[in-house]
């Protein structure tokens, strides 16, 4: 899972970033609203954690401009502004949740996971990571301008990886969610399918997206 944290208090920023990394998240950060808006419009994120009282562009303006541009990434406000009016304003401008400082990281994590579950229930029409796009309705996969021909199993496997982009998925998770049951630990079925998928997705000249963590599992993400 890939998260953008926009927070101008360095201590809070480092605390949140450390917590996300310990839970296997990929994290980008910004310390002012303008930089946060630039990242949010130029990169693909699963969630944005956004302070309100930011320099250059406050959190209200950031979320309002994101929604005007059609960017629907879930946004959770993380702020010291705790009045009912502040909360209502943030939610009406396009925020999805609101957490008041001081806070526990476990509550922030639980709220983000709840937002992710809600998003999955709404069934996304497509998934994207970098220049890789998977269109569910059309059953089409593109890497840049090129269409990638996949078998039905490879399509389902790629969709599962994209649904969990930035997260490490184990062989057991893949077998249960893609094939519907757990393979014998000695089988190489998953490895073969993953290798074939990688050959089609990570072609020469493209930045690798599918990564193997030996003895752990796989992760799909565009690494900087």
C-alpha atoms as a PDB file:
ATOM      1  CA  UNK A   1       0.000   0.000   0.000  1.00  0.00           C
ATOM      2  CA  UNK A   2       1.334   3.435  -0.919  1.00  0.00           C
ATOM      3  CA  UNK A   3       0.558   6.441   1.293  1.00  0.00           C
ATOM      4  CA  UNK A   4       1.271  10.166   1.004  1.00  0.00           C
ATOM      5  CA  UNK A   5       1.733  12.045   4.294  1.00  0.00           C
ATOM      6  CA  UNK A   6       1.537  15.855   4.161  1.00  0.00           C
ATOM      7  CA  UNK A   7       2.551  17.308   7.533  1.00  0.00           C
ATOM      8  CA  UNK A   8       4.708  20.316   8.446  1.00  0.00           C
ATOM      9  CA  UNK A   9       5.588  19.199  11.994  1.00  0.00           C
ATOM     10  CA  UNK A  10       8.757  17.165  11.498  1.00  0.00           C
ATOM     11  CA  UNK A  11       8.325  15.137  14.699  1.00  0.00           C
ATOM     12  CA  UNK A  12       4.788  14.088  13.759  1.00  0.00           C
ATOM     13  CA  UNK A  13       5.835  13.416  10.160  1.00  0.00           C
ATOM     14  CA  UNK A  14       8.684  11.121  11.226  1.00  0.00           C
ATOM     15  CA  UNK A  15       6.469   9.323  13.762  1.00  0.00           C
ATOM     16  CA  UNK A  16       3.797   8.573  11.160  1.00  0.00           C
ATOM     17  CA  UNK A  17       6.321   7.658   8.459  1.00  0.00           C
ATOM     18  CA  UNK A  18       8.109   5.234  10.816  1.00  0.00           C
ATOM     19  CA  UNK A  19       4.815   3.572  11.775  1.00  0.00           C
ATOM     20  CA  UNK A  20       3.760   3.053   8.165  1.00  0.00           C
ATOM     21  CA  UNK A  21       7.138   1.620   7.157  1.00  0.00           C
ATOM     22  CA  UNK A  22       7.050  -0.826  10.078  1.00  0.00           C
ATOM     23  CA  UNK A  23       3.733  -2.110   8.704  1.00  0.00           C
ATOM     24  CA  UNK A  24       5.119  -2.591   5.189  1.00  0.00           C
ATOM     25  CA  UNK A  25       3.689   0.567   3.601  1.00  0.00           C
ATOM     26  CA  UNK A  26       5.456   2.596   0.929  1.00  0.00           C
ATOM     27  CA  UNK A  27       5.507   6.235   2.113  1.00  0.00           C
ATOM     28  CA  UNK A  28       6.048   9.580   0.386  1.00  0.00           C
ATOM     29  CA  UNK A  29       6.107  12.798   2.406  1.00  0.00           C
ATOM     30  CA  UNK A  30       5.676  16.540   1.933  1.00  0.00           C
ATOM     31  CA  UNK A  31       5.987  19.394   4.420  1.00  0.00           C
ATOM     32  CA  UNK A  32       3.803  21.987   2.698  1.00  0.00           C
ATOM     33  CA  UNK A  33       0.496  21.954   0.857  1.00  0.00           C
ATOM     34  CA  UNK A  34       1.869  22.917  -2.525  1.00  0.00           C
ATOM     35  CA  UNK A  35       4.359  20.040  -2.599  1.00  0.00           C
ATOM     36  CA  UNK A  36       1.673  17.690  -1.287  1.00  0.00           C
ATOM     37  CA  UNK A  37      -0.707  18.716  -4.057  1.00  0.00           C
ATOM     38  CA  UNK A  38       2.053  18.262  -6.655  1.00  0.00           C
ATOM     39  CA  UNK A  39       2.772  14.717  -5.445  1.00  0.00           C
ATOM     40  CA  UNK A  40      -0.910  13.803  -5.139  1.00  0.00           C
ATOM     41  CA  UNK A  41      -1.585  14.832  -8.737  1.00  0.00           C
ATOM     42  CA  UNK A  42       1.559  13.312 -10.208  1.00  0.00           C
ATOM     43  CA  UNK A  43       1.723   9.973  -8.394  1.00  0.00           C
ATOM     44  CA  UNK A  44      -0.699   7.160  -7.559  1.00  0.00           C
ATOM     45  CA  UNK A  45      -1.565   6.669  -3.857  1.00  0.00           C
ATOM     46  CA  UNK A  46      -3.935   4.440  -1.918  1.00  0.00           C
ATOM     47  CA  UNK A  47      -4.483   7.077   0.771  1.00  0.00           C
ATOM     48  CA  UNK A  48      -3.410  10.614   1.696  1.00  0.00           C
ATOM     49  CA  UNK A  49      -2.844  11.682   5.313  1.00  0.00           C
ATOM     50  CA  UNK A  50      -3.247  15.455   5.290  1.00  0.00           C
ATOM     51  CA  UNK A  51      -2.650  18.129   7.915  1.00  0.00           C
ATOM     52  CA  UNK A  52      -4.853  21.230   7.674  1.00  0.00           C
ATOM     53  CA  UNK A  53      -2.599  24.031   8.921  1.00  0.00           C
ATOM     54  CA  UNK A  54       0.067  23.786   6.222  1.00  0.00           C
ATOM     55  CA  UNK A  55       2.317  26.461   4.689  1.00  0.00           C
ATOM     56  CA  UNK A  56       1.837  27.612   1.064  1.00  0.00           C
ATOM     57  CA  UNK A  57      -1.516  25.798   0.652  1.00  0.00           C
ATOM     58  CA  UNK A  58      -3.662  24.636   3.570  1.00  0.00           C
ATOM     59  CA  UNK A  59      -5.202  21.172   3.761  1.00  0.00           C
ATOM     60  CA  UNK A  60      -8.694  22.420   2.944  1.00  0.00           C
ATOM     61  CA  UNK A  61      -7.439  23.960  -0.306  1.00  0.00           C
ATOM     62  CA  UNK A  62      -5.431  20.847  -1.172  1.00  0.00           C
ATOM     63  CA  UNK A  63      -8.372  18.446  -0.876  1.00  0.00           C
ATOM     64  CA  UNK A  64     -10.731  20.872  -2.624  1.00  0.00           C
ATOM     65  CA  UNK A  65      -8.393  21.209  -5.617  1.00  0.00           C
ATOM     66  CA  UNK A  66      -7.790  17.451  -5.747  1.00  0.00           C
ATOM     67  CA  UNK A  67     -11.521  16.763  -5.940  1.00  0.00           C
ATOM     68  CA  UNK A  68     -11.956  19.441  -8.628  1.00  0.00           C
ATOM     69  CA  UNK A  69      -9.341  17.612 -10.706  1.00  0.00           C
ATOM     70  CA  UNK A  70     -11.282  14.371 -10.294  1.00  0.00           C
ATOM     71  CA  UNK A  71      -8.730  12.719  -8.000  1.00  0.00           C
ATOM     72  CA  UNK A  72     -10.672  10.439  -5.661  1.00  0.00           C
ATOM     73  CA  UNK A  73      -7.834   9.125  -3.488  1.00  0.00           C
ATOM     74  CA  UNK A  74      -9.140   8.738   0.102  1.00  0.00           C
ATOM     75  CA  UNK A  75      -8.009  11.602   2.355  1.00  0.00           C
ATOM     76  CA  UNK A  76      -7.831  11.477   6.139  1.00  0.00           C
ATOM     77  CA  UNK A  77      -7.220  14.788   7.898  1.00  0.00           C
ATOM     78  CA  UNK A  78      -4.717  14.674  10.761  1.00  0.00           C
ATOM     79  CA  UNK A  79      -4.876  17.970  12.631  1.00  0.00           C
ATOM     80  CA  UNK A  80      -5.071  19.888  15.894  1.00  0.00           C
ATOM     81  CA  UNK A  81      -8.197  21.727  14.682  1.00  0.00           C
ATOM     82  CA  UNK A  82     -10.866  19.950  16.717  1.00  0.00           C
ATOM     83  CA  UNK A  83     -14.083  21.971  16.510  1.00  0.00           C
ATOM     84  CA  UNK A  84     -17.225  20.512  14.970  1.00  0.00           C
ATOM     85  CA  UNK A  85     -17.132  23.284  12.366  1.00  0.00           C
ATOM     86  CA  UNK A  86     -13.592  22.303  11.322  1.00  0.00           C
ATOM     87  CA  UNK A  87     -14.571  18.644  10.965  1.00  0.00           C
ATOM     88  CA  UNK A  88     -17.699  19.437   8.958  1.00  0.00           C
ATOM     89  CA  UNK A  89     -15.767  21.771   6.654  1.00  0.00           C
ATOM     90  CA  UNK A  90     -13.068  19.174   6.004  1.00  0.00           C
ATOM     91  CA  UNK A  91     -15.556  16.431   5.192  1.00  0.00           C
ATOM     92  CA  UNK A  92     -17.748  18.658   3.023  1.00  0.00           C
ATOM     93  CA  UNK A  93     -14.744  19.771   0.947  1.00  0.00           C
ATOM     94  CA  UNK A  94     -13.932  16.163   0.101  1.00  0.00           C
ATOM     95  CA  UNK A  95     -12.131  14.598   3.062  1.00  0.00           C
ATOM     96  CA  UNK A  96     -13.058  11.021   3.960  1.00  0.00           C
ATOM     97  CA  UNK A  97     -12.119  10.964   7.657  1.00  0.00           C
ATOM     98  CA  UNK A  98     -10.795  13.248  10.375  1.00  0.00           C
ATOM     99  CA  UNK A  99      -8.407  12.400  13.237  1.00  0.00           C
ATOM    100  CA  UNK A 100      -7.547  14.971  15.910  1.00  0.00           C
ATOM    101  CA  UNK A 101      -4.064  15.364  17.402  1.00  0.00           C
ATOM    102  CA  UNK A 102      -2.765  13.969  19.711  1.00  0.00           C
ATOM    103  CA  UNK A 103      -3.524  10.530  18.305  1.00  0.00           C
ATOM    104  CA  UNK A 104      -2.322   6.933  18.486  1.00  0.00           C
ATOM    105  CA  UNK A 105      -0.778   5.405  15.388  1.00  0.00           C
ATOM    106  CA  UNK A 106      -2.890   2.270  15.860  1.00  0.00           C
ATOM    107  CA  UNK A 107      -6.069   4.344  15.477  1.00  0.00           C
ATOM    108  CA  UNK A 108      -4.717   6.079  12.366  1.00  0.00           C
ATOM    109  CA  UNK A 109      -3.823   2.697  10.872  1.00  0.00           C
ATOM    110  CA  UNK A 110      -7.255   1.255  11.691  1.00  0.00           C
ATOM    111  CA  UNK A 111      -9.006   4.218  10.069  1.00  0.00           C
ATOM    112  CA  UNK A 112      -6.902   3.932   6.917  1.00  0.00           C
ATOM    113  CA  UNK A 113      -7.589   0.216   6.632  1.00  0.00           C
ATOM    114  CA  UNK A 114     -11.303   0.924   7.038  1.00  0.00           C
ATOM    115  CA  UNK A 115     -11.086   3.449   4.181  1.00  0.00           C
ATOM    116  CA  UNK A 116      -9.313   0.854   2.043  1.00  0.00           C
ATOM    117  CA  UNK A 117     -12.022  -1.741   2.731  1.00  0.00           C
ATOM    118  CA  UNK A 118     -14.696   0.779   1.843  1.00  0.00           C
ATOM    119  CA  UNK A 119     -12.901   1.574  -1.412  1.00  0.00           C
ATOM    120  CA  UNK A 120     -12.633  -2.100  -2.367  1.00  0.00           C
ATOM    121  CA  UNK A 121     -16.331  -2.590  -1.706  1.00  0.00           C
ATOM    122  CA  UNK A 122     -17.020   0.171  -4.250  1.00  0.00           C
ATOM    123  CA  UNK A 123     -15.122  -1.932  -6.828  1.00  0.00           C
ATOM    124  CA  UNK A 124     -12.655   0.182  -8.747  1.00  0.00           C
ATOM    125  CA  UNK A 125     -13.060   0.310 -12.515  1.00  0.00           C
ATOM    126  CA  UNK A 126      -9.304   0.231 -13.036  1.00  0.00           C
ATOM    127  CA  UNK A 127      -6.001   0.013 -11.204  1.00  0.00           C
ATOM    128  CA  UNK A 128      -2.818   1.920 -11.923  1.00  0.00           C
ATOM    129  CA  UNK A 129       0.794   1.890 -10.773  1.00  0.00           C
ATOM    130  CA  UNK A 130       3.207   4.106 -12.671  1.00  0.00           C
ATOM    131  CA  UNK A 131       2.420   3.665 -16.376  1.00  0.00           C
ATOM    132  CA  UNK A 132       0.776   0.265 -15.834  1.00  0.00           C
ATOM    133  CA  UNK A 133      -3.027   0.329 -16.117  1.00  0.00           C
ATOM    134  CA  UNK A 134      -5.459  -2.555 -15.660  1.00  0.00           C
ATOM    135  CA  UNK A 135      -9.015  -1.842 -16.883  1.00  0.00           C
ATOM    136  CA  UNK A 136     -11.395  -4.325 -15.249  1.00  0.00           C
ATOM    137  CA  UNK A 137     -14.467  -3.581 -17.372  1.00  0.00           C
ATOM    138  CA  UNK A 138     -12.616  -3.843 -20.698  1.00  0.00           C
ATOM    139  CA  UNK A 139     -10.282  -6.622 -19.479  1.00  0.00           C
ATOM    140  CA  UNK A 140      -7.371  -4.653 -20.922  1.00  0.00           C
ATOM    141  CA  UNK A 141      -3.872  -4.155 -19.525  1.00  0.00           C
ATOM    142  CA  UNK A 142      -1.531  -1.433 -20.803  1.00  0.00           C
ATOM    143  CA  UNK A 143       2.079  -0.593 -20.010  1.00  0.00           C
ATOM    144  CA  UNK A 144       2.545   2.911 -21.323  1.00  0.00           C
ATOM    145  CA  UNK A 145       0.905   2.938 -24.767  1.00  0.00           C
ATOM    146  CA  UNK A 146       1.358  -0.797 -25.364  1.00  0.00           C
ATOM    147  CA  UNK A 147      -1.399  -3.354 -24.755  1.00  0.00           C
ATOM    148  CA  UNK A 148      -0.181  -6.360 -22.748  1.00  0.00           C
ATOM    149  CA  UNK A 149      -1.738  -9.704 -23.703  1.00  0.00           C
ATOM    150  CA  UNK A 150      -2.408 -11.790 -20.579  1.00  0.00           C
ATOM    151  CA  UNK A 151      -4.055 -15.134 -19.932  1.00  0.00           C
ATOM    152  CA  UNK A 152      -7.142 -15.068 -17.646  1.00  0.00           C
ATOM    153  CA  UNK A 153      -5.047 -16.358 -14.730  1.00  0.00           C
ATOM    154  CA  UNK A 154      -2.325 -13.766 -15.332  1.00  0.00           C
ATOM    155  CA  UNK A 155      -4.975 -11.024 -15.457  1.00  0.00           C
ATOM    156  CA  UNK A 156      -6.433 -12.154 -12.109  1.00  0.00           C
ATOM    157  CA  UNK A 157      -2.950 -12.431 -10.613  1.00  0.00           C
ATOM    158  CA  UNK A 158      -2.019  -8.916 -11.758  1.00  0.00           C
ATOM    159  CA  UNK A 159      -5.301  -7.526 -10.440  1.00  0.00           C
ATOM    160  CA  UNK A 160      -4.612  -9.076  -7.033  1.00  0.00           C
ATOM    161  CA  UNK A 161      -1.106  -7.600  -6.950  1.00  0.00           C
ATOM    162  CA  UNK A 162      -2.467  -4.166  -7.914  1.00  0.00           C
ATOM    163  CA  UNK A 163      -5.181  -4.370  -5.258  1.00  0.00           C
ATOM    164  CA  UNK A 164      -2.347  -4.782  -2.753  1.00  0.00           C
ATOM    165  CA  UNK A 165       0.270  -2.609  -4.443  1.00  0.00           C
ATOM    166  CA  UNK A 166       3.052  -1.598  -2.102  1.00  0.00           C
ATOM    167  CA  UNK A 167       2.199  -4.505   0.214  1.00  0.00           C
ATOM    168  CA  UNK A 168       4.073  -7.782   0.499  1.00  0.00           C
ATOM    169  CA  UNK A 169       1.839 -10.723  -0.462  1.00  0.00           C
ATOM    170  CA  UNK A 170       2.902 -14.248   0.479  1.00  0.00           C
ATOM    171  CA  UNK A 171       2.659 -17.343  -1.725  1.00  0.00           C
ATOM    172  CA  UNK A 172      -0.205 -18.580   0.477  1.00  0.00           C
ATOM    173  CA  UNK A 173      -2.113 -15.303   0.032  1.00  0.00           C
ATOM    174  CA  UNK A 174      -1.635 -15.472  -3.743  1.00  0.00           C
ATOM    175  CA  UNK A 175      -2.709 -19.103  -4.066  1.00  0.00           C
ATOM    176  CA  UNK A 176      -5.793 -18.669  -1.877  1.00  0.00           C
ATOM    177  CA  UNK A 177      -6.966 -15.436  -3.531  1.00  0.00           C
ATOM    178  CA  UNK A 178      -6.073 -16.169  -7.169  1.00  0.00           C
ATOM    179  CA  UNK A 179      -6.581 -19.940  -7.387  1.00  0.00           C
ATOM    180  CA  UNK A 180      -8.990 -20.338  -4.468  1.00  0.00           C
ATOM    181  CA  UNK A 181      -6.920 -22.846  -2.510  1.00  0.00           C
ATOM    182  CA  UNK A 182      -3.438 -23.251  -1.064  1.00  0.00           C
ATOM    183  CA  UNK A 183      -0.899 -25.162  -3.143  1.00  0.00           C
ATOM    184  CA  UNK A 184       1.517 -27.657  -1.673  1.00  0.00           C
ATOM    185  CA  UNK A 185       4.527 -25.700  -0.432  1.00  0.00           C
ATOM    186  CA  UNK A 186       6.826 -27.541  -2.861  1.00  0.00           C
ATOM    187  CA  UNK A 187       4.929 -26.638  -6.028  1.00  0.00           C
ATOM    188  CA  UNK A 188       6.348 -24.022  -8.408  1.00  0.00           C
ATOM    189  CA  UNK A 189       3.020 -23.113 -10.055  1.00  0.00           C
ATOM    190  CA  UNK A 190       2.980 -19.631  -8.524  1.00  0.00           C
ATOM    191  CA  UNK A 191       6.634 -18.995  -9.380  1.00  0.00           C
ATOM    192  CA  UNK A 192       6.047 -19.981 -13.016  1.00  0.00           C
ATOM    193  CA  UNK A 193       2.990 -17.728 -13.388  1.00  0.00           C
ATOM    194  CA  UNK A 194       4.763 -14.857 -11.629  1.00  0.00           C
ATOM    195  CA  UNK A 195       7.805 -15.229 -13.904  1.00  0.00           C
ATOM    196  CA  UNK A 196       5.609 -15.219 -17.019  1.00  0.00           C
ATOM    197  CA  UNK A 197       3.701 -12.173 -15.778  1.00  0.00           C
ATOM    198  CA  UNK A 198       6.926 -10.332 -15.006  1.00  0.00           C
ATOM    199  CA  UNK A 199       8.253 -11.014 -18.522  1.00  0.00           C
ATOM    200  CA  UNK A 200       5.140  -9.414 -20.014  1.00  0.00           C
ATOM    201  CA  UNK A 201       4.894  -6.459 -17.616  1.00  0.00           C
ATOM    202  CA  UNK A 202       8.519  -5.585 -16.896  1.00  0.00           C
ATOM    203  CA  UNK A 203       9.793  -5.488 -20.467  1.00  0.00           C
ATOM    204  CA  UNK A 204      13.160  -4.061 -21.511  1.00  0.00           C
ATOM    205  CA  UNK A 205      13.328  -0.311 -21.003  1.00  0.00           C
ATOM    206  CA  UNK A 206      10.506  -0.239 -18.445  1.00  0.00           C
ATOM    207  CA  UNK A 207      11.009   0.323 -14.727  1.00  0.00           C
ATOM    208  CA  UNK A 208      10.515  -3.020 -12.882  1.00  0.00           C
ATOM    209  CA  UNK A 209       7.221  -3.179 -10.970  1.00  0.00           C
ATOM    210  CA  UNK A 210       7.001  -6.798  -9.777  1.00  0.00           C
ATOM    211  CA  UNK A 211       9.571  -7.636  -7.110  1.00  0.00           C
ATOM    212  CA  UNK A 212      10.348 -10.939  -5.369  1.00  0.00           C
ATOM    213  CA  UNK A 213      11.325 -10.907  -1.702  1.00  0.00           C
ATOM    214  CA  UNK A 214      13.131 -14.211  -1.370  1.00  0.00           C
ATOM    215  CA  UNK A 215      11.565 -16.423   1.269  1.00  0.00           C
ATOM    216  CA  UNK A 216       8.812 -13.877   1.938  1.00  0.00           C
ATOM    217  CA  UNK A 217       6.657 -13.222  -1.120  1.00  0.00           C
ATOM    218  CA  UNK A 218       6.056 -10.615  -3.796  1.00  0.00           C
ATOM    219  CA  UNK A 219       5.329  -6.904  -4.001  1.00  0.00           C
ATOM    220  CA  UNK A 220       4.151  -4.762  -6.911  1.00  0.00           C
ATOM    221  CA  UNK A 221       5.243  -1.140  -6.719  1.00  0.00           C
ATOM    222  CA  UNK A 222       7.112   1.503  -8.666  1.00  0.00           C
ATOM    223  CA  UNK A 223      10.275   2.079  -6.667  1.00  0.00           C
ATOM    224  CA  UNK A 224      12.093   5.379  -6.925  1.00  0.00           C
END
